[in-house]
């Protein structure tokens, strides 16, 4: 295989994922067919099948960059020695991922098809490691609820259509501040 052929396949895959995200955003995962994706790309359905066999595979691939970034943030935070540094790194990193991937986060929040496709990946990151880092290894009920509220609240708010027009820096600042309050972290001096 030549470099040009490999590059062309990668370009088609990249365009396919961007098109799928747009269609998923407009119609939901369940409301988007593989044929709709092929039509929007101007290719055959067989060309879509060359890259992915199911919509769930496409949904997983669409979400992969954001989940990979989030997993990296969680790993970095878990390696920090001080508990406060762990929370601060995880909070700002999580908010950055949410803001950078707003369209995907909005899709997560309202589409059960995405949730189903990503159940294993998301539950591992969110269900275990993020909650434990935010709440602490021996968290009481109150801290566990605050950690859950911070994660879900930041994600749902970051993907909310009513805040889509906010500049990234503005949304980021608000989400970090709310997260700090929910997690009982003092505001940092600027």
N, C-alpha and C. Protein backbone atom coordinates (compact mmCIF):
# COMPACT_ATOMS: atom_id res chain seq x y z
N UNK A 1 0.85 -1.17 0.00
CA UNK A 1 0.00 0.00 0.00
C UNK A 1 0.90 1.24 0.00
N UNK A 2 0.56 2.18 -0.82
CA UNK A 2 1.36 3.40 -0.89
C UNK A 2 0.95 4.37 0.20
N UNK A 3 1.82 5.33 0.46
CA UNK A 3 1.50 6.36 1.46
C UNK A 3 0.29 7.16 1.05
N UNK A 4 0.15 7.42 -0.26
CA UNK A 4 -1.00 8.18 -0.76
C UNK A 4 -2.30 7.41 -0.53
N UNK A 5 -2.26 6.08 -0.73
CA UNK A 5 -3.46 5.27 -0.51
C UNK A 5 -3.83 5.27 0.97
N UNK A 6 -2.85 5.07 1.82
CA UNK A 6 -3.12 5.09 3.27
C UNK A 6 -3.64 6.45 3.69
N UNK A 7 -3.06 7.51 3.16
CA UNK A 7 -3.51 8.86 3.49
C UNK A 7 -4.94 9.09 3.02
N UNK A 8 -5.27 8.59 1.84
CA UNK A 8 -6.63 8.74 1.32
C UNK A 8 -7.64 8.02 2.18
N UNK A 9 -7.28 6.82 2.65
CA UNK A 9 -8.19 6.06 3.52
C UNK A 9 -8.38 6.78 4.85
N UNK A 10 -7.28 7.32 5.38
CA UNK A 10 -7.37 8.06 6.64
C UNK A 10 -8.22 9.31 6.47
N UNK A 11 -8.04 10.00 5.34
CA UNK A 11 -8.84 11.19 5.07
C UNK A 11 -10.32 10.84 4.98
N UNK A 12 -10.64 9.74 4.30
CA UNK A 12 -12.03 9.30 4.19
C UNK A 12 -12.59 8.96 5.57
N UNK A 13 -11.79 8.27 6.37
CA UNK A 13 -12.22 7.91 7.73
C UNK A 13 -12.46 9.17 8.57
N UNK A 14 -11.56 10.14 8.46
CA UNK A 14 -11.70 11.39 9.20
C UNK A 14 -12.96 12.13 8.77
N UNK A 15 -13.19 12.20 7.47
CA UNK A 15 -14.40 12.86 6.96
C UNK A 15 -15.65 12.10 7.40
N UNK A 16 -15.58 10.78 7.38
CA UNK A 16 -16.71 9.95 7.80
C UNK A 16 -17.06 10.24 9.26
N UNK A 17 -16.06 10.32 10.11
CA UNK A 17 -16.32 10.58 11.54
C UNK A 17 -16.88 11.98 11.76
N UNK A 18 -16.37 12.96 11.04
CA UNK A 18 -16.89 14.33 11.17
C UNK A 18 -18.34 14.39 10.69
N UNK A 19 -18.62 13.71 9.59
CA UNK A 19 -19.98 13.68 9.05
C UNK A 19 -20.91 12.95 10.01
N UNK A 20 -20.45 11.83 10.55
CA UNK A 20 -21.27 11.08 11.51
C UNK A 20 -21.60 11.92 12.73
N UNK A 21 -20.61 12.64 13.26
CA UNK A 21 -20.87 13.49 14.43
C UNK A 21 -21.92 14.53 14.10
N UNK A 22 -21.82 15.14 12.94
CA UNK A 22 -22.81 16.15 12.53
C UNK A 22 -24.19 15.52 12.42
N UNK A 23 -24.29 14.37 11.78
CA UNK A 23 -25.60 13.71 11.63
C UNK A 23 -26.12 13.20 12.97
N UNK A 24 -25.24 12.67 13.79
CA UNK A 24 -25.66 12.22 15.12
C UNK A 24 -26.20 13.40 15.92
N UNK A 25 -25.56 14.55 15.78
CA UNK A 25 -26.00 15.75 16.50
C UNK A 25 -27.38 16.18 16.02
N UNK A 26 -27.61 16.10 14.73
CA UNK A 26 -28.89 16.52 14.16
C UNK A 26 -30.01 15.51 14.39
N UNK A 27 -29.69 14.21 14.25
CA UNK A 27 -30.74 13.18 14.23
C UNK A 27 -30.62 12.16 15.35
N UNK A 28 -29.56 12.23 16.14
CA UNK A 28 -29.30 11.21 17.14
C UNK A 28 -28.67 9.98 16.50
N UNK A 29 -28.09 9.14 17.32
CA UNK A 29 -27.46 7.93 16.80
C UNK A 29 -28.53 7.01 16.22
N UNK A 30 -29.62 6.83 16.96
CA UNK A 30 -30.68 5.95 16.50
C UNK A 30 -31.34 6.47 15.22
N UNK A 31 -31.41 7.78 15.06
CA UNK A 31 -32.05 8.37 13.88
C UNK A 31 -31.14 8.53 12.67
N UNK A 32 -29.90 8.13 12.81
CA UNK A 32 -28.95 8.24 11.71
C UNK A 32 -28.64 6.84 11.19
N UNK A 33 -28.81 6.64 9.90
CA UNK A 33 -28.50 5.35 9.31
C UNK A 33 -27.12 5.40 8.65
N UNK A 34 -26.57 4.22 8.42
CA UNK A 34 -25.31 4.16 7.68
C UNK A 34 -25.49 4.72 6.28
N UNK A 35 -26.68 4.53 5.70
CA UNK A 35 -26.95 5.08 4.37
C UNK A 35 -26.94 6.61 4.40
N UNK A 36 -27.48 7.20 5.46
CA UNK A 36 -27.46 8.66 5.58
C UNK A 36 -26.02 9.17 5.62
N UNK A 37 -25.17 8.47 6.35
CA UNK A 37 -23.76 8.86 6.42
C UNK A 37 -23.12 8.76 5.05
N UNK A 38 -23.37 7.64 4.37
CA UNK A 38 -22.81 7.46 3.03
C UNK A 38 -23.30 8.55 2.07
N UNK A 39 -24.59 8.84 2.10
CA UNK A 39 -25.15 9.88 1.23
C UNK A 39 -24.53 11.24 1.50
N UNK A 40 -24.38 11.58 2.77
CA UNK A 40 -23.80 12.88 3.12
C UNK A 40 -22.34 12.98 2.67
N UNK A 41 -21.64 11.86 2.65
CA UNK A 41 -20.25 11.84 2.21
C UNK A 41 -20.11 11.74 0.69
N UNK A 42 -21.21 11.32 0.04
CA UNK A 42 -21.14 11.11 -1.40
C UNK A 42 -20.41 9.83 -1.77
N UNK A 43 -20.53 8.81 -0.90
CA UNK A 43 -19.92 7.51 -1.17
C UNK A 43 -20.99 6.44 -1.05
N UNK A 44 -20.60 5.21 -1.36
CA UNK A 44 -21.54 4.11 -1.22
C UNK A 44 -21.56 3.64 0.23
N UNK A 45 -22.63 2.92 0.56
CA UNK A 45 -22.72 2.34 1.89
C UNK A 45 -21.59 1.34 2.10
N UNK A 46 -21.16 0.67 1.05
CA UNK A 46 -20.04 -0.27 1.13
C UNK A 46 -18.76 0.44 1.57
N UNK A 47 -18.60 1.70 1.15
CA UNK A 47 -17.41 2.47 1.55
C UNK A 47 -17.45 2.75 3.06
N UNK A 48 -18.63 2.97 3.59
CA UNK A 48 -18.77 3.16 5.04
C UNK A 48 -18.45 1.85 5.75
N UNK A 49 -18.98 0.75 5.21
CA UNK A 49 -18.71 -0.57 5.80
C UNK A 49 -17.23 -0.94 5.75
N UNK A 50 -16.50 -0.40 4.80
CA UNK A 50 -15.07 -0.67 4.72
C UNK A 50 -14.38 -0.21 6.01
N UNK A 51 -14.85 0.90 6.56
CA UNK A 51 -14.24 1.47 7.76
C UNK A 51 -14.90 0.99 9.05
N UNK A 52 -16.21 0.83 9.03
CA UNK A 52 -16.97 0.47 10.24
C UNK A 52 -18.10 -0.47 9.87
N UNK A 53 -18.36 -1.44 10.74
CA UNK A 53 -19.43 -2.41 10.48
C UNK A 53 -20.77 -2.00 11.08
N UNK A 54 -20.73 -1.17 12.13
CA UNK A 54 -21.98 -0.78 12.81
C UNK A 54 -21.94 0.69 13.20
N UNK A 55 -23.11 1.21 13.49
CA UNK A 55 -23.18 2.59 14.01
C UNK A 55 -22.51 2.69 15.37
N UNK A 56 -22.62 1.65 16.18
CA UNK A 56 -21.96 1.67 17.48
C UNK A 56 -20.45 1.82 17.33
N UNK A 57 -19.87 1.16 16.32
CA UNK A 57 -18.44 1.32 16.06
C UNK A 57 -18.13 2.76 15.67
N UNK A 58 -19.00 3.34 14.86
CA UNK A 58 -18.80 4.74 14.46
C UNK A 58 -18.92 5.65 15.67
N UNK A 59 -19.95 5.44 16.49
CA UNK A 59 -20.13 6.27 17.69
C UNK A 59 -18.92 6.15 18.60
N UNK A 60 -18.39 4.95 18.75
CA UNK A 60 -17.20 4.76 19.57
C UNK A 60 -16.00 5.50 19.00
N UNK A 61 -15.84 5.45 17.68
CA UNK A 61 -14.72 6.13 17.03
C UNK A 61 -14.87 7.65 17.09
N UNK A 62 -16.09 8.14 17.01
CA UNK A 62 -16.34 9.58 17.13
C UNK A 62 -15.94 10.06 18.53
N UNK A 63 -16.26 9.25 19.53
CA UNK A 63 -15.99 9.64 20.92
C UNK A 63 -14.57 9.35 21.36
N UNK A 64 -13.86 8.50 20.64
CA UNK A 64 -12.54 8.05 21.08
C UNK A 64 -11.56 9.17 21.42
N UNK A 65 -11.42 10.21 20.59
CA UNK A 65 -10.45 11.26 20.95
C UNK A 65 -10.75 11.93 22.30
N UNK A 66 -12.01 12.24 22.54
CA UNK A 66 -12.38 12.87 23.80
C UNK A 66 -12.17 11.94 24.99
N UNK A 67 -12.55 10.68 24.82
CA UNK A 67 -12.36 9.71 25.90
C UNK A 67 -10.87 9.47 26.17
N UNK A 68 -10.08 9.42 25.10
CA UNK A 68 -8.64 9.23 25.26
C UNK A 68 -8.02 10.41 26.00
N UNK A 69 -8.45 11.63 25.66
CA UNK A 69 -7.96 12.83 26.35
C UNK A 69 -8.34 12.78 27.83
N UNK A 70 -9.58 12.41 28.09
CA UNK A 70 -10.05 12.33 29.48
C UNK A 70 -9.29 11.27 30.25
N UNK A 71 -9.05 10.14 29.63
CA UNK A 71 -8.30 9.08 30.31
C UNK A 71 -6.89 9.54 30.64
N UNK A 72 -6.29 10.30 29.74
CA UNK A 72 -4.95 10.83 29.99
C UNK A 72 -4.96 11.79 31.19
N UNK A 73 -5.97 12.64 31.26
CA UNK A 73 -6.09 13.58 32.38
C UNK A 73 -6.24 12.80 33.70
N UNK A 74 -7.06 11.76 33.68
CA UNK A 74 -7.26 10.95 34.88
C UNK A 74 -5.95 10.28 35.29
N UNK A 75 -5.22 9.73 34.32
CA UNK A 75 -3.93 9.09 34.62
C UNK A 75 -2.94 10.09 35.20
N UNK A 76 -2.85 11.28 34.58
CA UNK A 76 -1.94 12.31 35.09
C UNK A 76 -2.31 12.71 36.52
N UNK A 77 -3.59 12.91 36.75
CA UNK A 77 -4.04 13.32 38.09
C UNK A 77 -3.73 12.23 39.13
N UNK A 78 -3.92 10.98 38.76
CA UNK A 78 -3.69 9.90 39.72
C UNK A 78 -2.22 9.75 40.09
N UNK A 79 -1.32 10.24 39.25
CA UNK A 79 0.12 10.15 39.55
C UNK A 79 0.61 11.28 40.45
N UNK A 80 -0.21 12.30 40.63
CA UNK A 80 0.20 13.41 41.50
C UNK A 80 0.15 12.95 42.95
N UNK A 81 1.04 13.47 43.76
CA UNK A 81 1.15 13.00 45.14
C UNK A 81 0.15 13.66 46.08
N UNK A 82 -0.02 14.95 45.94
CA UNK A 82 -0.93 15.67 46.85
C UNK A 82 -2.37 15.53 46.38
N UNK A 83 -3.24 15.27 47.30
CA UNK A 83 -4.67 15.11 46.99
C UNK A 83 -5.25 16.37 46.34
N UNK A 84 -4.91 17.55 46.86
CA UNK A 84 -5.41 18.79 46.29
C UNK A 84 -4.94 18.98 44.85
N UNK A 85 -3.70 18.60 44.57
CA UNK A 85 -3.17 18.70 43.21
C UNK A 85 -3.90 17.74 42.27
N UNK A 86 -4.24 16.57 42.78
CA UNK A 86 -4.99 15.60 41.98
C UNK A 86 -6.35 16.18 41.57
N UNK A 87 -7.05 16.72 42.56
CA UNK A 87 -8.38 17.27 42.30
C UNK A 87 -8.29 18.45 41.34
N UNK A 88 -7.35 19.36 41.58
CA UNK A 88 -7.22 20.53 40.71
C UNK A 88 -6.89 20.12 39.27
N UNK A 89 -5.97 19.18 39.10
CA UNK A 89 -5.59 18.74 37.76
C UNK A 89 -6.76 18.06 37.06
N UNK A 90 -7.44 17.19 37.78
CA UNK A 90 -8.58 16.48 37.20
C UNK A 90 -9.70 17.45 36.84
N UNK A 91 -10.00 18.38 37.71
CA UNK A 91 -11.07 19.34 37.46
C UNK A 91 -10.77 20.18 36.22
N UNK A 92 -9.61 20.80 36.18
CA UNK A 92 -9.30 21.67 35.03
C UNK A 92 -9.16 20.85 33.76
N UNK A 93 -8.58 19.66 33.85
CA UNK A 93 -8.45 18.81 32.67
C UNK A 93 -9.80 18.33 32.16
N UNK A 94 -10.68 17.94 33.07
CA UNK A 94 -12.02 17.49 32.69
C UNK A 94 -12.78 18.63 32.02
N UNK A 95 -12.73 19.81 32.61
CA UNK A 95 -13.41 20.97 32.02
C UNK A 95 -12.84 21.26 30.63
N UNK A 96 -11.54 21.20 30.48
CA UNK A 96 -10.93 21.44 29.16
C UNK A 96 -11.45 20.45 28.12
N UNK A 97 -11.54 19.17 28.49
CA UNK A 97 -12.04 18.16 27.56
C UNK A 97 -13.50 18.44 27.21
N UNK A 98 -14.30 18.76 28.21
CA UNK A 98 -15.72 19.06 27.97
C UNK A 98 -15.87 20.24 27.01
N UNK A 99 -15.13 21.30 27.25
CA UNK A 99 -15.24 22.50 26.41
C UNK A 99 -14.73 22.21 24.99
N UNK A 100 -13.64 21.49 24.88
CA UNK A 100 -13.06 21.19 23.57
C UNK A 100 -13.97 20.29 22.74
N UNK A 101 -14.75 19.44 23.40
CA UNK A 101 -15.60 18.47 22.70
C UNK A 101 -17.08 18.73 23.00
N UNK A 102 -17.49 19.98 22.94
CA UNK A 102 -18.87 20.35 23.29
C UNK A 102 -19.92 19.57 22.52
N UNK A 103 -19.74 19.43 21.21
CA UNK A 103 -20.75 18.75 20.40
C UNK A 103 -20.90 17.29 20.84
N UNK A 104 -19.80 16.65 21.10
CA UNK A 104 -19.84 15.26 21.55
C UNK A 104 -20.47 15.16 22.94
N UNK A 105 -20.13 16.08 23.82
CA UNK A 105 -20.70 16.08 25.17
C UNK A 105 -22.21 16.29 25.10
N UNK A 106 -22.65 17.19 24.24
CA UNK A 106 -24.09 17.42 24.08
C UNK A 106 -24.78 16.14 23.59
N UNK A 107 -24.13 15.46 22.68
CA UNK A 107 -24.67 14.21 22.17
C UNK A 107 -24.75 13.15 23.27
N UNK A 108 -23.70 13.02 24.06
CA UNK A 108 -23.69 12.11 25.21
C UNK A 108 -24.88 12.36 26.11
N UNK A 109 -25.13 13.64 26.37
CA UNK A 109 -26.13 14.02 27.35
C UNK A 109 -27.55 13.67 26.92
N UNK A 110 -27.80 13.62 25.63
CA UNK A 110 -29.19 13.44 25.22
C UNK A 110 -29.46 12.21 24.38
N UNK A 111 -28.45 11.44 24.04
CA UNK A 111 -28.68 10.33 23.13
C UNK A 111 -28.31 8.99 23.76
N UNK A 112 -29.32 8.16 24.04
CA UNK A 112 -29.03 6.86 24.63
C UNK A 112 -28.21 5.96 23.71
N UNK A 113 -28.23 6.20 22.41
CA UNK A 113 -27.43 5.40 21.48
C UNK A 113 -25.95 5.57 21.73
N UNK A 114 -25.53 6.79 22.04
CA UNK A 114 -24.12 7.04 22.35
C UNK A 114 -23.77 6.40 23.68
N UNK A 115 -24.64 6.57 24.64
CA UNK A 115 -24.41 5.99 25.97
C UNK A 115 -24.24 4.48 25.86
N UNK A 116 -25.09 3.83 25.06
CA UNK A 116 -24.99 2.38 24.89
C UNK A 116 -23.68 2.00 24.22
N UNK A 117 -23.31 2.73 23.17
CA UNK A 117 -22.10 2.41 22.41
C UNK A 117 -20.84 2.58 23.25
N UNK A 118 -20.89 3.49 24.22
CA UNK A 118 -19.69 3.81 24.98
C UNK A 118 -19.75 3.36 26.43
N UNK A 119 -20.72 2.52 26.75
CA UNK A 119 -20.95 2.15 28.14
C UNK A 119 -19.70 1.66 28.84
N UNK A 120 -18.96 0.77 28.24
CA UNK A 120 -17.78 0.21 28.92
C UNK A 120 -16.69 1.24 29.10
N UNK A 121 -16.35 1.98 28.04
CA UNK A 121 -15.28 2.98 28.13
C UNK A 121 -15.62 4.04 29.16
N UNK A 122 -16.81 4.60 29.07
CA UNK A 122 -17.21 5.70 29.93
C UNK A 122 -17.33 5.25 31.37
N UNK A 123 -17.93 4.09 31.61
CA UNK A 123 -18.14 3.68 32.99
C UNK A 123 -16.81 3.40 33.69
N UNK A 124 -15.82 2.92 32.96
CA UNK A 124 -14.51 2.69 33.57
C UNK A 124 -13.87 4.01 34.00
N UNK A 125 -13.91 5.00 33.11
CA UNK A 125 -13.30 6.29 33.43
C UNK A 125 -14.11 7.00 34.50
N UNK A 126 -15.41 7.14 34.24
CA UNK A 126 -16.27 7.90 35.15
C UNK A 126 -16.59 7.11 36.42
N UNK A 127 -17.11 5.91 36.22
CA UNK A 127 -17.64 5.13 37.33
C UNK A 127 -16.63 4.79 38.40
N UNK A 128 -15.39 4.71 38.04
CA UNK A 128 -14.40 4.34 39.03
C UNK A 128 -13.41 5.44 39.30
N UNK A 129 -12.57 5.69 38.34
CA UNK A 129 -11.39 6.52 38.59
C UNK A 129 -11.71 7.99 38.83
N UNK A 130 -12.57 8.60 38.03
CA UNK A 130 -12.88 10.02 38.25
C UNK A 130 -13.57 10.23 39.59
N UNK A 131 -14.56 9.41 39.86
CA UNK A 131 -15.28 9.55 41.13
C UNK A 131 -14.34 9.36 42.32
N UNK A 132 -13.48 8.36 42.24
CA UNK A 132 -12.57 8.12 43.36
C UNK A 132 -11.59 9.28 43.55
N UNK A 133 -11.07 9.81 42.45
CA UNK A 133 -10.14 10.93 42.59
C UNK A 133 -10.83 12.17 43.14
N UNK A 134 -12.03 12.46 42.65
CA UNK A 134 -12.75 13.64 43.14
C UNK A 134 -13.22 13.47 44.58
N UNK A 135 -13.74 12.31 44.91
CA UNK A 135 -14.33 12.12 46.24
C UNK A 135 -13.31 11.65 47.27
N UNK A 136 -12.29 10.97 46.82
CA UNK A 136 -11.31 10.41 47.75
C UNK A 136 -11.56 8.93 47.92
N UNK A 137 -10.52 8.17 48.25
CA UNK A 137 -10.65 6.71 48.33
C UNK A 137 -11.61 6.24 49.43
N UNK A 138 -11.76 7.01 50.48
CA UNK A 138 -12.66 6.62 51.56
C UNK A 138 -13.71 7.69 51.77
N UNK A 139 -14.36 8.07 50.70
CA UNK A 139 -15.32 9.18 50.74
C UNK A 139 -16.59 8.80 51.49
N UNK A 140 -17.10 9.79 52.20
CA UNK A 140 -18.41 9.59 52.80
C UNK A 140 -19.47 9.89 51.74
N UNK A 141 -20.71 9.67 52.10
CA UNK A 141 -21.82 9.85 51.18
C UNK A 141 -21.87 11.27 50.59
N UNK A 142 -21.65 12.25 51.43
CA UNK A 142 -21.72 13.65 51.00
C UNK A 142 -20.66 13.96 49.94
N UNK A 143 -19.43 13.50 50.15
CA UNK A 143 -18.35 13.75 49.19
C UNK A 143 -18.59 12.99 47.89
N UNK A 144 -19.12 11.78 48.00
CA UNK A 144 -19.42 10.99 46.79
C UNK A 144 -20.49 11.68 45.96
N UNK A 145 -21.51 12.22 46.63
CA UNK A 145 -22.58 12.92 45.91
C UNK A 145 -22.05 14.20 45.29
N UNK A 146 -21.21 14.93 46.00
CA UNK A 146 -20.62 16.15 45.45
C UNK A 146 -19.76 15.84 44.23
N UNK A 147 -18.99 14.76 44.28
CA UNK A 147 -18.16 14.37 43.13
C UNK A 147 -19.03 14.01 41.94
N UNK A 148 -20.07 13.25 42.17
CA UNK A 148 -20.99 12.87 41.10
C UNK A 148 -21.66 14.11 40.51
N UNK A 149 -22.13 15.00 41.37
CA UNK A 149 -22.78 16.23 40.90
C UNK A 149 -21.82 17.08 40.09
N UNK A 150 -20.56 17.14 40.49
CA UNK A 150 -19.57 17.92 39.74
C UNK A 150 -19.36 17.33 38.35
N UNK A 151 -19.17 16.03 38.26
CA UNK A 151 -18.92 15.39 36.97
C UNK A 151 -20.12 15.55 36.04
N UNK A 152 -21.28 15.16 36.53
CA UNK A 152 -22.48 15.21 35.68
C UNK A 152 -22.86 16.66 35.37
N UNK A 153 -22.79 17.53 36.38
CA UNK A 153 -23.14 18.93 36.16
C UNK A 153 -22.23 19.62 35.16
N UNK A 154 -20.94 19.38 35.26
CA UNK A 154 -20.00 19.99 34.32
C UNK A 154 -20.27 19.47 32.91
N UNK A 155 -20.45 18.16 32.77
CA UNK A 155 -20.69 17.59 31.45
C UNK A 155 -22.00 18.09 30.84
N UNK A 156 -23.07 18.04 31.60
CA UNK A 156 -24.36 18.47 31.06
C UNK A 156 -24.38 19.96 30.73
N UNK A 157 -23.77 20.75 31.58
CA UNK A 157 -23.74 22.19 31.34
C UNK A 157 -22.82 22.53 30.17
N UNK A 158 -21.69 21.88 30.09
CA UNK A 158 -20.76 22.12 28.98
C UNK A 158 -21.36 21.80 27.63
N UNK A 159 -22.24 20.82 27.58
CA UNK A 159 -22.88 20.44 26.32
C UNK A 159 -24.26 21.05 26.11
N UNK A 160 -24.71 21.89 27.04
CA UNK A 160 -26.06 22.46 26.96
C UNK A 160 -26.17 23.45 25.80
N UNK A 161 -27.21 23.33 25.00
CA UNK A 161 -27.37 24.23 23.84
C UNK A 161 -27.46 25.71 24.23
N UNK A 162 -28.00 26.01 25.40
CA UNK A 162 -28.15 27.42 25.79
C UNK A 162 -26.82 28.10 26.06
N UNK A 163 -25.74 27.31 26.20
CA UNK A 163 -24.42 27.90 26.43
C UNK A 163 -23.48 27.72 25.24
N UNK A 164 -24.02 27.23 24.13
CA UNK A 164 -23.20 26.95 22.94
C UNK A 164 -22.53 28.20 22.38
N UNK A 165 -23.13 29.35 22.56
CA UNK A 165 -22.56 30.58 22.01
C UNK A 165 -21.50 31.21 22.92
N UNK A 166 -21.38 30.72 24.15
CA UNK A 166 -20.37 31.28 25.06
C UNK A 166 -18.98 30.99 24.51
N UNK A 167 -18.08 31.95 24.60
CA UNK A 167 -16.70 31.67 24.21
C UNK A 167 -16.11 30.59 25.12
N UNK A 168 -15.19 29.81 24.57
CA UNK A 168 -14.59 28.71 25.32
C UNK A 168 -14.02 29.16 26.66
N UNK A 169 -13.27 30.26 26.66
CA UNK A 169 -12.64 30.72 27.91
C UNK A 169 -13.66 31.08 28.97
N UNK A 170 -14.76 31.68 28.56
CA UNK A 170 -15.82 32.06 29.51
C UNK A 170 -16.48 30.83 30.10
N UNK A 171 -16.85 29.89 29.23
CA UNK A 171 -17.48 28.66 29.71
C UNK A 171 -16.52 27.90 30.61
N UNK A 172 -15.27 27.80 30.21
CA UNK A 172 -14.26 27.09 31.00
C UNK A 172 -14.15 27.70 32.40
N UNK A 173 -14.06 29.01 32.48
CA UNK A 173 -13.93 29.67 33.79
C UNK A 173 -15.14 29.39 34.68
N UNK A 174 -16.34 29.47 34.12
CA UNK A 174 -17.55 29.20 34.91
C UNK A 174 -17.59 27.75 35.39
N UNK A 175 -17.27 26.82 34.49
CA UNK A 175 -17.34 25.40 34.87
C UNK A 175 -16.31 25.05 35.94
N UNK A 176 -15.12 25.60 35.83
CA UNK A 176 -14.10 25.34 36.85
C UNK A 176 -14.56 25.90 38.19
N UNK A 177 -15.10 27.11 38.18
CA UNK A 177 -15.55 27.73 39.44
C UNK A 177 -16.67 26.92 40.08
N UNK A 178 -17.64 26.49 39.28
CA UNK A 178 -18.74 25.68 39.83
C UNK A 178 -18.20 24.35 40.35
N UNK A 179 -17.29 23.75 39.60
CA UNK A 179 -16.69 22.50 40.05
C UNK A 179 -15.97 22.66 41.37
N UNK A 180 -15.24 23.76 41.52
CA UNK A 180 -14.53 24.03 42.78
C UNK A 180 -15.52 24.11 43.95
N UNK A 181 -16.61 24.82 43.71
CA UNK A 181 -17.61 24.96 44.78
C UNK A 181 -18.20 23.61 45.16
N UNK A 182 -18.57 22.82 44.15
CA UNK A 182 -19.17 21.52 44.42
C UNK A 182 -18.20 20.58 45.14
N UNK A 183 -16.94 20.68 44.79
CA UNK A 183 -15.94 19.80 45.39
C UNK A 183 -15.32 20.35 46.67
N UNK A 184 -15.78 21.54 47.09
CA UNK A 184 -15.28 22.12 48.32
C UNK A 184 -13.84 22.59 48.21
N UNK A 185 -13.45 23.00 47.01
CA UNK A 185 -12.09 23.51 46.79
C UNK A 185 -12.11 25.02 46.82
N UNK A 186 -11.19 25.64 47.52
CA UNK A 186 -11.16 27.10 47.55
C UNK A 186 -10.79 27.65 46.17
N UNK A 187 -11.27 28.82 45.91
CA UNK A 187 -10.93 29.51 44.65
C UNK A 187 -9.45 29.85 44.68
N UNK A 188 -8.79 29.58 43.55
CA UNK A 188 -7.36 29.89 43.45
C UNK A 188 -7.15 31.36 43.19
N UNK A 189 -6.11 31.92 43.80
CA UNK A 189 -5.75 33.31 43.53
C UNK A 189 -5.22 33.41 42.11
N UNK A 190 -5.63 34.46 41.39
CA UNK A 190 -5.18 34.60 40.01
C UNK A 190 -4.13 35.66 39.89
